[in-house]
């Protein structure tokens, strides 16, 4: 019969794999970003993520287990989606907003995972593990908040400005065509 500790250790292995994948993915995201503030935020979170790998190893030790990963299918999928977005929006002012959205999806997954792990560590009576997991959870929430701030302060407006510019250009292109069509109609009816 599977126990809460089995569930805990399985989910811990899942997030351990996720953190390793993020250590590899974040430099690519930073490279794709065109906003210095976003690049800096991603690279700062990369350093935190490296620390998360070490902290998760410490949590395994709190349960007298060797750290091991289990393929995190959710993170695999989210990172694939992030790669697609980066490719699709490369060179567009919307790239930074797109990267933030992709990064926040990962952050939300991590927040949910660490929230559960923390609650389970408390329930299992392992205060040391719970404290470490709370530290990681707080850092993940802060990273998500920083991304939200960047989106609201910069990237969403930059993406919108591009949309407005394109819409105005499309409308300007259509006006001469509409005038020609109206003039042709007048000539045909005259």
N, C-alpha and C. Protein backbone atom coordinates (compact mmCIF):
# COMPACT_ATOMS: atom_id res chain seq x y z
N UNK A 1 0.83 -1.18 0.00
CA UNK A 1 0.00 0.00 0.00
C UNK A 1 0.88 1.25 0.00
N UNK A 2 0.55 2.20 -0.85
CA UNK A 2 1.31 3.44 -0.96
C UNK A 2 0.94 4.38 0.18
N UNK A 3 1.95 5.05 0.72
CA UNK A 3 1.75 5.95 1.86
C UNK A 3 1.93 7.40 1.43
N UNK A 4 1.64 8.31 2.34
CA UNK A 4 1.87 9.74 2.09
C UNK A 4 3.35 9.99 1.85
N UNK A 5 4.21 9.28 2.56
CA UNK A 5 5.65 9.46 2.35
C UNK A 5 6.04 9.00 0.94
N UNK A 6 5.44 7.94 0.44
CA UNK A 6 5.72 7.49 -0.93
C UNK A 6 5.31 8.58 -1.93
N UNK A 7 4.13 9.13 -1.69
CA UNK A 7 3.64 10.21 -2.55
C UNK A 7 4.58 11.40 -2.49
N UNK A 8 4.98 11.77 -1.30
CA UNK A 8 5.90 12.88 -1.09
C UNK A 8 7.20 12.66 -1.86
N UNK A 9 7.80 11.50 -1.69
CA UNK A 9 9.09 11.22 -2.33
C UNK A 9 8.96 11.15 -3.85
N UNK A 10 7.84 10.65 -4.34
CA UNK A 10 7.60 10.63 -5.78
C UNK A 10 7.48 12.03 -6.36
N UNK A 11 6.75 12.88 -5.66
CA UNK A 11 6.60 14.27 -6.12
C UNK A 11 7.91 15.04 -5.96
N UNK A 12 8.67 14.72 -4.94
CA UNK A 12 9.97 15.36 -4.76
C UNK A 12 10.91 14.98 -5.91
N UNK A 13 10.86 13.72 -6.34
CA UNK A 13 11.66 13.28 -7.49
C UNK A 13 11.23 14.00 -8.76
N UNK A 14 9.93 14.25 -8.90
CA UNK A 14 9.38 14.96 -10.04
C UNK A 14 9.91 16.40 -10.09
N UNK A 15 9.84 17.11 -8.96
CA UNK A 15 10.28 18.51 -8.94
C UNK A 15 11.80 18.60 -9.05
N UNK A 16 12.51 17.57 -8.59
CA UNK A 16 13.97 17.54 -8.73
C UNK A 16 14.34 17.50 -10.21
N UNK A 17 13.63 16.68 -10.97
CA UNK A 17 13.84 16.63 -12.41
C UNK A 17 13.48 17.97 -13.05
N UNK A 18 12.37 18.55 -12.61
CA UNK A 18 11.92 19.83 -13.16
C UNK A 18 12.99 20.91 -12.95
N UNK A 19 13.55 20.97 -11.75
CA UNK A 19 14.58 21.99 -11.48
C UNK A 19 15.81 21.78 -12.35
N UNK A 20 16.21 20.54 -12.56
CA UNK A 20 17.35 20.26 -13.45
C UNK A 20 17.05 20.73 -14.87
N UNK A 21 15.86 20.47 -15.34
CA UNK A 21 15.47 20.90 -16.69
C UNK A 21 15.47 22.42 -16.81
N UNK A 22 15.03 23.09 -15.75
CA UNK A 22 14.99 24.56 -15.77
C UNK A 22 16.39 25.16 -15.79
N UNK A 23 17.32 24.52 -15.11
CA UNK A 23 18.71 25.00 -15.14
C UNK A 23 19.22 25.02 -16.58
N UNK A 24 18.80 24.07 -17.38
CA UNK A 24 19.21 24.02 -18.79
C UNK A 24 18.39 24.97 -19.67
N UNK A 25 17.12 25.18 -19.33
CA UNK A 25 16.22 25.96 -20.19
C UNK A 25 16.32 27.47 -19.96
N UNK A 26 16.57 27.90 -18.75
CA UNK A 26 16.55 29.34 -18.45
C UNK A 26 17.57 30.15 -19.25
N UNK A 27 18.79 29.65 -19.48
CA UNK A 27 19.71 30.43 -20.31
C UNK A 27 19.18 30.66 -21.73
N UNK A 28 18.47 29.68 -22.29
CA UNK A 28 17.87 29.86 -23.62
C UNK A 28 16.78 30.92 -23.59
N UNK A 29 16.00 30.93 -22.53
CA UNK A 29 14.95 31.94 -22.39
C UNK A 29 15.57 33.33 -22.27
N UNK A 30 16.63 33.43 -21.48
CA UNK A 30 17.29 34.73 -21.31
C UNK A 30 17.85 35.22 -22.64
N UNK A 31 18.39 34.31 -23.41
CA UNK A 31 18.94 34.68 -24.72
C UNK A 31 17.85 35.16 -25.67
N UNK A 32 16.66 34.58 -25.58
CA UNK A 32 15.56 34.96 -26.46
C UNK A 32 14.94 36.29 -26.08
N UNK A 33 15.07 36.70 -24.81
CA UNK A 33 14.49 37.96 -24.34
C UNK A 33 15.21 39.15 -24.96
N UNK A 34 14.46 40.18 -25.31
CA UNK A 34 15.06 41.38 -25.88
C UNK A 34 15.10 42.53 -24.87
N UNK A 35 14.44 42.36 -23.74
CA UNK A 35 14.40 43.36 -22.67
C UNK A 35 15.47 43.03 -21.63
N UNK A 36 16.35 43.97 -21.35
CA UNK A 36 17.42 43.75 -20.39
C UNK A 36 16.87 43.38 -19.02
N UNK A 37 15.78 44.01 -18.61
CA UNK A 37 15.20 43.71 -17.30
C UNK A 37 14.72 42.26 -17.23
N UNK A 38 14.14 41.77 -18.32
CA UNK A 38 13.68 40.38 -18.35
C UNK A 38 14.86 39.43 -18.36
N UNK A 39 15.87 39.72 -19.17
CA UNK A 39 17.07 38.88 -19.18
C UNK A 39 17.66 38.77 -17.77
N UNK A 40 17.77 39.92 -17.11
CA UNK A 40 18.34 39.94 -15.76
C UNK A 40 17.49 39.13 -14.79
N UNK A 41 16.17 39.25 -14.89
CA UNK A 41 15.27 38.51 -14.00
C UNK A 41 15.40 37.01 -14.23
N UNK A 42 15.49 36.61 -15.49
CA UNK A 42 15.62 35.19 -15.81
C UNK A 42 16.96 34.65 -15.31
N UNK A 43 18.03 35.41 -15.52
CA UNK A 43 19.35 34.95 -15.08
C UNK A 43 19.45 34.92 -13.55
N UNK A 44 18.80 35.86 -12.88
CA UNK A 44 18.78 35.83 -11.41
C UNK A 44 18.02 34.60 -10.93
N UNK A 45 16.92 34.28 -11.60
CA UNK A 45 16.16 33.10 -11.19
C UNK A 45 16.92 31.81 -11.54
N UNK A 46 17.75 31.85 -12.56
CA UNK A 46 18.61 30.70 -12.86
C UNK A 46 19.49 30.39 -11.66
N UNK A 47 20.08 31.40 -11.06
CA UNK A 47 20.93 31.18 -9.89
C UNK A 47 20.12 30.61 -8.73
N UNK A 48 18.90 31.14 -8.54
CA UNK A 48 18.02 30.59 -7.50
C UNK A 48 17.69 29.13 -7.80
N UNK A 49 17.43 28.84 -9.07
CA UNK A 49 17.06 27.48 -9.48
C UNK A 49 18.19 26.50 -9.20
N UNK A 50 19.41 26.92 -9.45
CA UNK A 50 20.56 26.07 -9.10
C UNK A 50 20.56 25.79 -7.60
N UNK A 51 20.22 26.80 -6.82
CA UNK A 51 20.11 26.62 -5.37
C UNK A 51 18.95 25.70 -5.00
N UNK A 52 17.87 25.72 -5.79
CA UNK A 52 16.74 24.84 -5.53
C UNK A 52 17.13 23.38 -5.70
N UNK A 53 17.97 23.11 -6.69
CA UNK A 53 18.45 21.75 -6.89
C UNK A 53 19.13 21.26 -5.61
N UNK A 54 20.00 22.08 -5.07
CA UNK A 54 20.72 21.72 -3.84
C UNK A 54 19.76 21.57 -2.67
N UNK A 55 18.79 22.48 -2.57
CA UNK A 55 17.83 22.41 -1.46
C UNK A 55 16.95 21.17 -1.56
N UNK A 56 16.56 20.79 -2.77
CA UNK A 56 15.76 19.57 -2.92
C UNK A 56 16.59 18.36 -2.50
N UNK A 57 17.87 18.37 -2.83
CA UNK A 57 18.76 17.28 -2.38
C UNK A 57 18.78 17.22 -0.85
N UNK A 58 18.77 18.39 -0.21
CA UNK A 58 18.74 18.43 1.25
C UNK A 58 17.44 17.85 1.80
N UNK A 59 16.34 18.10 1.10
CA UNK A 59 15.05 17.55 1.53
C UNK A 59 15.08 16.03 1.45
N UNK A 60 15.64 15.49 0.37
CA UNK A 60 15.80 14.03 0.29
C UNK A 60 16.58 13.53 1.50
N UNK A 61 17.67 14.23 1.85
CA UNK A 61 18.50 13.83 2.99
C UNK A 61 17.69 13.85 4.30
N UNK A 62 16.76 14.79 4.41
CA UNK A 62 15.91 14.87 5.62
C UNK A 62 15.09 13.60 5.80
N UNK A 63 14.89 12.86 4.72
CA UNK A 63 14.15 11.60 4.78
C UNK A 63 15.08 10.39 4.62
N UNK A 64 16.39 10.65 4.77
CA UNK A 64 17.40 9.59 4.65
C UNK A 64 17.32 8.88 3.30
N UNK A 65 17.10 9.66 2.24
CA UNK A 65 17.01 9.13 0.89
C UNK A 65 18.04 9.82 0.01
N UNK A 66 18.50 9.09 -0.99
CA UNK A 66 19.40 9.66 -1.99
C UNK A 66 18.55 10.40 -3.02
N UNK A 67 18.99 11.58 -3.42
CA UNK A 67 18.25 12.38 -4.40
C UNK A 67 18.19 11.65 -5.73
N UNK A 68 16.98 11.59 -6.29
CA UNK A 68 16.82 10.99 -7.62
C UNK A 68 15.67 11.70 -8.31
N UNK A 69 15.77 11.77 -9.61
CA UNK A 69 14.74 12.43 -10.39
C UNK A 69 13.82 11.43 -11.06
N UNK A 70 12.64 11.92 -11.37
CA UNK A 70 11.64 11.16 -12.12
C UNK A 70 11.13 12.13 -13.17
N UNK A 71 11.11 11.73 -14.43
CA UNK A 71 10.75 12.65 -15.51
C UNK A 71 9.49 13.43 -15.18
N UNK A 72 9.64 14.74 -15.18
CA UNK A 72 8.52 15.64 -14.90
C UNK A 72 7.86 15.98 -16.23
N UNK A 73 6.84 15.23 -16.57
CA UNK A 73 6.16 15.41 -17.86
C UNK A 73 5.55 16.80 -18.00
N UNK A 74 5.07 17.35 -16.91
CA UNK A 74 4.48 18.69 -16.97
C UNK A 74 5.53 19.72 -17.37
N UNK A 75 6.70 19.67 -16.77
CA UNK A 75 7.76 20.62 -17.10
C UNK A 75 8.26 20.39 -18.51
N UNK A 76 8.37 19.14 -18.92
CA UNK A 76 8.78 18.84 -20.30
C UNK A 76 7.82 19.55 -21.26
N UNK A 77 6.52 19.39 -21.04
CA UNK A 77 5.53 20.02 -21.90
C UNK A 77 5.56 21.53 -21.85
N UNK A 78 5.69 22.09 -20.66
CA UNK A 78 5.74 23.55 -20.53
C UNK A 78 6.98 24.13 -21.20
N UNK A 79 8.10 23.44 -21.08
CA UNK A 79 9.32 23.93 -21.72
C UNK A 79 9.25 23.80 -23.24
N UNK A 80 8.62 22.74 -23.74
CA UNK A 80 8.43 22.61 -25.19
C UNK A 80 7.55 23.76 -25.70
N UNK A 81 6.51 24.05 -24.95
CA UNK A 81 5.63 25.17 -25.33
C UNK A 81 6.41 26.49 -25.31
N UNK A 82 7.26 26.67 -24.31
CA UNK A 82 8.09 27.87 -24.23
C UNK A 82 9.02 27.99 -25.43
N UNK A 83 9.61 26.88 -25.86
CA UNK A 83 10.48 26.89 -27.05
C UNK A 83 9.70 27.29 -28.29
N UNK A 84 8.49 26.75 -28.43
CA UNK A 84 7.64 27.08 -29.58
C UNK A 84 7.30 28.57 -29.59
N UNK A 85 6.96 29.10 -28.42
CA UNK A 85 6.62 30.52 -28.32
C UNK A 85 7.83 31.38 -28.69
N UNK A 86 8.99 31.03 -28.16
CA UNK A 86 10.20 31.80 -28.45
C UNK A 86 10.50 31.80 -29.94
N UNK A 87 10.30 30.67 -30.57
CA UNK A 87 10.54 30.57 -32.01
C UNK A 87 9.50 31.37 -32.80
N UNK A 88 8.25 31.23 -32.42
CA UNK A 88 7.15 31.89 -33.14
C UNK A 88 7.22 33.42 -33.02
N UNK A 89 7.65 33.93 -31.86
CA UNK A 89 7.65 35.37 -31.63
C UNK A 89 9.03 36.01 -31.72
N UNK A 90 10.02 35.26 -32.17
CA UNK A 90 11.38 35.80 -32.31
C UNK A 90 11.33 37.03 -33.20
N UNK A 91 12.00 38.10 -32.76
CA UNK A 91 12.05 39.33 -33.54
C UNK A 91 10.83 40.22 -33.37
N UNK A 92 9.84 39.78 -32.64
CA UNK A 92 8.63 40.56 -32.42
C UNK A 92 8.70 41.28 -31.08
N UNK A 93 8.14 42.49 -30.98
CA UNK A 93 8.08 43.14 -29.68
C UNK A 93 7.24 42.35 -28.67
N UNK A 94 6.46 41.41 -29.14
CA UNK A 94 5.66 40.57 -28.26
C UNK A 94 6.46 39.44 -27.63
N UNK A 95 7.71 39.26 -28.04
CA UNK A 95 8.52 38.14 -27.55
C UNK A 95 8.64 38.15 -26.03
N UNK A 96 8.85 39.31 -25.44
CA UNK A 96 9.05 39.38 -24.00
C UNK A 96 7.77 39.02 -23.24
N UNK A 97 6.63 39.52 -23.72
CA UNK A 97 5.36 39.15 -23.10
C UNK A 97 5.12 37.65 -23.24
N UNK A 98 5.47 37.08 -24.37
CA UNK A 98 5.30 35.65 -24.60
C UNK A 98 6.20 34.83 -23.68
N UNK A 99 7.44 35.27 -23.53
CA UNK A 99 8.38 34.56 -22.65
C UNK A 99 7.93 34.64 -21.19
N UNK A 100 7.41 35.78 -20.79
CA UNK A 100 6.91 35.91 -19.42
C UNK A 100 5.75 34.96 -19.19
N UNK A 101 4.85 34.88 -20.15
CA UNK A 101 3.71 33.96 -20.02
C UNK A 101 4.19 32.52 -19.87
N UNK A 102 5.15 32.12 -20.70
CA UNK A 102 5.68 30.76 -20.63
C UNK A 102 6.37 30.52 -19.29
N UNK A 103 7.15 31.50 -18.84
CA UNK A 103 7.86 31.35 -17.56
C UNK A 103 6.88 31.29 -16.39
N UNK A 104 5.81 32.07 -16.46
CA UNK A 104 4.85 32.07 -15.36
C UNK A 104 4.09 30.75 -15.29
N UNK A 105 3.87 30.12 -16.42
CA UNK A 105 3.22 28.79 -16.39
C UNK A 105 4.09 27.82 -15.60
N UNK A 106 5.40 27.88 -15.82
CA UNK A 106 6.32 27.01 -15.09
C UNK A 106 6.32 27.38 -13.60
N UNK A 107 6.37 28.68 -13.32
CA UNK A 107 6.36 29.13 -11.92
C UNK A 107 5.10 28.65 -11.20
N UNK A 108 3.96 28.74 -11.86
CA UNK A 108 2.72 28.31 -11.22
C UNK A 108 2.74 26.80 -10.94
N UNK A 109 3.30 26.03 -11.86
CA UNK A 109 3.44 24.60 -11.62
C UNK A 109 4.34 24.36 -10.41
N UNK A 110 5.45 25.08 -10.35
CA UNK A 110 6.37 24.91 -9.23
C UNK A 110 5.73 25.34 -7.90
N UNK A 111 5.00 26.44 -7.93
CA UNK A 111 4.32 26.91 -6.71
C UNK A 111 3.34 25.85 -6.22
N UNK A 112 2.57 25.27 -7.12
CA UNK A 112 1.63 24.22 -6.73
C UNK A 112 2.38 23.01 -6.17
N UNK A 113 3.45 22.61 -6.84
CA UNK A 113 4.22 21.44 -6.39
C UNK A 113 4.85 21.67 -5.02
N UNK A 114 5.53 22.80 -4.87
CA UNK A 114 6.19 23.07 -3.59
C UNK A 114 5.18 23.31 -2.48
N UNK A 115 4.02 23.86 -2.81
CA UNK A 115 2.98 24.04 -1.81
C UNK A 115 2.51 22.69 -1.26
N UNK A 116 2.29 21.73 -2.16
CA UNK A 116 1.89 20.39 -1.73
C UNK A 116 3.00 19.72 -0.94
N UNK A 117 4.22 19.79 -1.44
CA UNK A 117 5.34 19.16 -0.75
C UNK A 117 5.52 19.73 0.66
N UNK A 118 5.39 21.04 0.77
CA UNK A 118 5.52 21.66 2.10
C UNK A 118 4.44 21.14 3.04
N UNK A 119 3.19 21.13 2.57
CA UNK A 119 2.08 20.66 3.41
C UNK A 119 2.29 19.21 3.83
N UNK A 120 2.77 18.39 2.90
CA UNK A 120 3.00 16.98 3.22
C UNK A 120 4.16 16.80 4.20
N UNK A 121 5.22 17.61 4.03
CA UNK A 121 6.35 17.51 4.96
C UNK A 121 5.90 17.87 6.38
N UNK A 122 5.04 18.88 6.48
CA UNK A 122 4.49 19.24 7.79
C UNK A 122 3.69 18.07 8.34
N UNK A 123 2.83 17.51 7.52
CA UNK A 123 1.98 16.39 7.95
C UNK A 123 2.80 15.17 8.35
N UNK A 124 3.94 14.99 7.67
CA UNK A 124 4.82 13.87 7.98
C UNK A 124 5.71 14.15 9.19
N UNK A 125 5.60 15.37 9.72
CA UNK A 125 6.35 15.72 10.93
C UNK A 125 7.82 16.02 10.69
N UNK A 126 8.19 16.35 9.46
CA UNK A 126 9.59 16.64 9.16
C UNK A 126 9.74 18.16 9.02
N UNK A 127 9.98 18.81 10.15
CA UNK A 127 10.06 20.27 10.18
C UNK A 127 11.22 20.82 9.35
N UNK A 128 12.34 20.12 9.36
CA UNK A 128 13.51 20.59 8.60
C UNK A 128 13.18 20.60 7.11
N UNK A 129 12.58 19.54 6.61
CA UNK A 129 12.19 19.49 5.20
C UNK A 129 11.15 20.56 4.90
N UNK A 130 10.18 20.72 5.81
CA UNK A 130 9.13 21.73 5.61
C UNK A 130 9.73 23.13 5.51
N UNK A 131 10.71 23.43 6.35
CA UNK A 131 11.35 24.74 6.32
C UNK A 131 12.07 24.99 4.99
N UNK A 132 12.78 23.99 4.51
CA UNK A 132 13.50 24.12 3.23
C UNK A 132 12.50 24.32 2.10
N UNK A 133 11.45 23.53 2.10
CA UNK A 133 10.44 23.64 1.05
C UNK A 133 9.73 24.99 1.09
N UNK A 134 9.51 25.53 2.29
CA UNK A 134 8.90 26.86 2.41
C UNK A 134 9.81 27.92 1.81
N UNK A 135 11.13 27.81 2.03
CA UNK A 135 12.09 28.75 1.43
C UNK A 135 11.98 28.73 -0.09
N UNK A 136 11.96 27.53 -0.65
CA UNK A 136 11.86 27.42 -2.12
C UNK A 136 10.53 28.00 -2.58
N UNK A 137 9.45 27.66 -1.91
CA UNK A 137 8.13 28.16 -2.27
C UNK A 137 8.11 29.68 -2.26
N UNK A 138 8.68 30.30 -1.26
CA UNK A 138 8.74 31.76 -1.18
C UNK A 138 9.52 32.35 -2.35
N UNK A 139 10.62 31.71 -2.73
CA UNK A 139 11.43 32.19 -3.86
C UNK A 139 10.67 32.04 -5.18
N UNK A 140 9.93 30.95 -5.33
CA UNK A 140 9.15 30.75 -6.55
C UNK A 140 8.04 31.80 -6.65
N UNK A 141 7.40 32.10 -5.54
CA UNK A 141 6.35 33.13 -5.53
C UNK A 141 6.95 34.49 -5.87
N UNK A 142 8.12 34.79 -5.32
CA UNK A 142 8.78 36.07 -5.60
C UNK A 142 9.16 36.17 -7.08
N UNK A 143 9.63 35.07 -7.65
CA UNK A 143 9.98 35.06 -9.08
C UNK A 143 8.74 35.32 -9.92
N UNK A 144 7.63 34.68 -9.57
CA UNK A 144 6.39 34.90 -10.29
C UNK A 144 5.94 36.36 -10.17
N UNK A 145 6.03 36.93 -8.97
CA UNK A 145 5.66 38.33 -8.78
C UNK A 145 6.53 39.26 -9.61
N UNK A 146 7.82 38.97 -9.67
CA UNK A 146 8.75 39.79 -10.47
C UNK A 146 8.37 39.73 -11.95
N UNK A 147 8.00 38.54 -12.42
CA UNK A 147 7.57 38.40 -13.81
C UNK A 147 6.28 39.18 -14.07
N UNK A 148 5.36 39.11 -13.13
CA UNK A 148 4.11 39.88 -13.27
C UNK A 148 4.40 41.37 -13.35
N UNK A 149 5.30 41.84 -12.49
CA UNK A 149 5.66 43.26 -12.50
C UNK A 149 6.26 43.66 -13.84
N UNK A 150 7.16 42.85 -14.37
CA UNK A 150 7.77 43.15 -15.67
C UNK A 150 6.72 43.18 -16.77
N UNK A 151 5.80 42.24 -16.73
CA UNK A 151 4.74 42.21 -17.75
C UNK A 151 3.90 43.47 -17.67
N UNK A 152 3.50 43.84 -16.48
CA UNK A 152 2.63 45.00 -16.31
C UNK A 152 3.34 46.33 -16.56
N UNK A 153 4.61 46.42 -16.20
CA UNK A 153 5.35 47.66 -16.34
C UNK A 153 5.92 47.87 -17.73
N UNK A 154 6.16 46.80 -18.48
CA UNK A 154 6.87 46.94 -19.74
C UNK A 154 6.33 46.09 -20.88
N UNK A 155 6.50 44.79 -20.73
CA UNK A 155 6.35 43.88 -21.87
C UNK A 155 4.96 43.87 -22.48
N UNK A 156 3.92 43.92 -21.66
CA UNK A 156 2.57 43.92 -22.23
C UNK A 156 2.32 45.19 -23.04
N UNK A 157 2.81 46.34 -22.54
CA UNK A 157 2.66 47.59 -23.29
C UNK A 157 3.46 47.57 -24.59
N UNK A 158 4.66 47.02 -24.53
CA UNK A 158 5.47 46.91 -25.76
C UNK A 158 4.76 46.04 -26.79
N UNK A 159 4.19 44.94 -26.34
CA UNK A 159 3.46 44.06 -27.25
C UNK A 159 2.22 44.75 -27.79
N UNK A 160 1.52 45.51 -26.95
CA UNK A 160 0.32 46.23 -27.37
C UNK A 160 0.68 47.33 -28.35
N UNK A 161 1.76 48.06 -28.07
CA UNK A 161 2.19 49.11 -29.00
C UNK A 161 2.44 48.55 -30.38
N UNK A 162 3.03 47.37 -30.44
CA UNK A 162 3.28 46.72 -31.73
C UNK A 162 1.96 46.38 -32.40
N UNK A 163 1.00 45.89 -31.63
CA UNK A 163 -0.31 45.55 -32.18
C UNK A 163 -1.00 46.79 -32.71
N UNK A 164 -0.93 47.89 -31.95
CA UNK A 164 -1.55 49.15 -32.37
C UNK A 164 -0.90 49.66 -33.66
N UNK A 165 0.43 49.57 -33.74
CA UNK A 165 1.15 50.02 -34.92
C UNK A 165 0.74 49.21 -36.14
N UNK A 166 0.65 47.88 -35.96
CA UNK A 166 0.25 47.02 -37.08
C UNK A 166 -1.19 47.31 -37.50
N UNK A 167 -2.07 47.51 -36.53
CA UNK A 167 -3.47 47.79 -36.85
C UNK A 167 -3.60 49.10 -37.60
N UNK A 168 -2.85 50.12 -37.18
CA UNK A 168 -2.87 51.41 -37.87
C UNK A 168 -2.32 51.29 -39.28
N UNK A 169 -1.25 50.53 -39.43
CA UNK A 169 -0.66 50.33 -40.76
C UNK A 169 -1.64 49.59 -41.66
N UNK A 170 -2.31 48.57 -41.15
CA UNK A 170 -3.30 47.84 -41.93
C UNK A 170 -4.44 48.76 -42.34
N UNK A 171 -4.90 49.58 -41.41
CA UNK A 171 -6.00 50.50 -41.71
C UNK A 171 -5.57 51.51 -42.76
N UNK A 172 -4.33 52.02 -42.66
CA UNK A 172 -3.83 52.98 -43.65
C UNK A 172 -3.71 52.33 -45.02
N UNK A 173 -3.29 51.07 -45.05
CA UNK A 173 -3.19 50.35 -46.33
C UNK A 173 -4.56 50.15 -46.95
N UNK A 174 -5.58 49.94 -46.15
CA UNK A 174 -6.92 49.68 -46.65
C UNK A 174 -7.62 50.94 -47.13
N UNK A 175 -7.28 52.11 -46.59
CA UNK A 175 -7.94 53.36 -46.97
C UNK A 175 -7.75 53.68 -48.44
N UNK A 176 -6.52 53.64 -48.97
CA UNK A 176 -6.37 53.94 -50.40
C UNK A 176 -7.15 52.94 -51.27
N UNK A 177 -7.15 51.69 -50.87
CA UNK A 177 -7.88 50.68 -51.65
C UNK A 177 -9.38 50.97 -51.60
N UNK A 178 -9.87 51.37 -50.43
CA UNK A 178 -11.29 51.69 -50.30
C UNK A 178 -11.65 52.92 -51.12
N UNK A 179 -10.75 53.93 -51.16
CA UNK A 179 -11.00 55.14 -51.96
C UNK A 179 -11.04 54.78 -53.44
N UNK A 180 -10.12 53.94 -53.90
CA UNK A 180 -10.09 53.53 -55.30
C UNK A 180 -11.37 52.78 -55.66
N UNK A 181 -11.81 51.90 -54.77
CA UNK A 181 -13.03 51.13 -55.02
C UNK A 181 -14.23 52.06 -55.10
N UNK A 182 -14.27 53.06 -54.21
CA UNK A 182 -15.39 54.02 -54.24
C UNK A 182 -15.35 54.84 -55.51
N UNK A 183 -14.16 55.26 -55.93
CA UNK A 183 -14.02 56.04 -57.16
C UNK A 183 -14.43 55.19 -58.36
N UNK A 184 -14.05 53.95 -58.40
CA UNK A 184 -14.44 53.05 -59.50
C UNK A 184 -15.94 52.88 -59.54
N UNK A 185 -16.58 52.79 -58.38
CA UNK A 185 -18.03 52.65 -58.31
C UNK A 185 -18.70 53.88 -58.87
N UNK A 186 -18.19 55.05 -58.53
CA UNK A 186 -18.79 56.30 -59.02
C UNK A 186 -18.67 56.38 -60.54
N UNK A 187 -17.49 56.00 -61.06
CA UNK A 187 -17.28 56.06 -62.51
C UNK A 187 -18.20 55.08 -63.22
N UNK A 188 -18.37 53.89 -62.64
CA UNK A 188 -19.20 52.87 -63.26
C UNK A 188 -20.65 53.29 -63.25
N UNK A 189 -21.10 53.99 -62.23
CA UNK A 189 -22.50 54.38 -62.14
C UNK A 189 -22.76 55.67 -62.92
N UNK A 190 -21.73 56.38 -63.30
CA UNK A 190 -21.93 57.65 -64.01
C UNK A 190 -22.18 57.49 -65.44
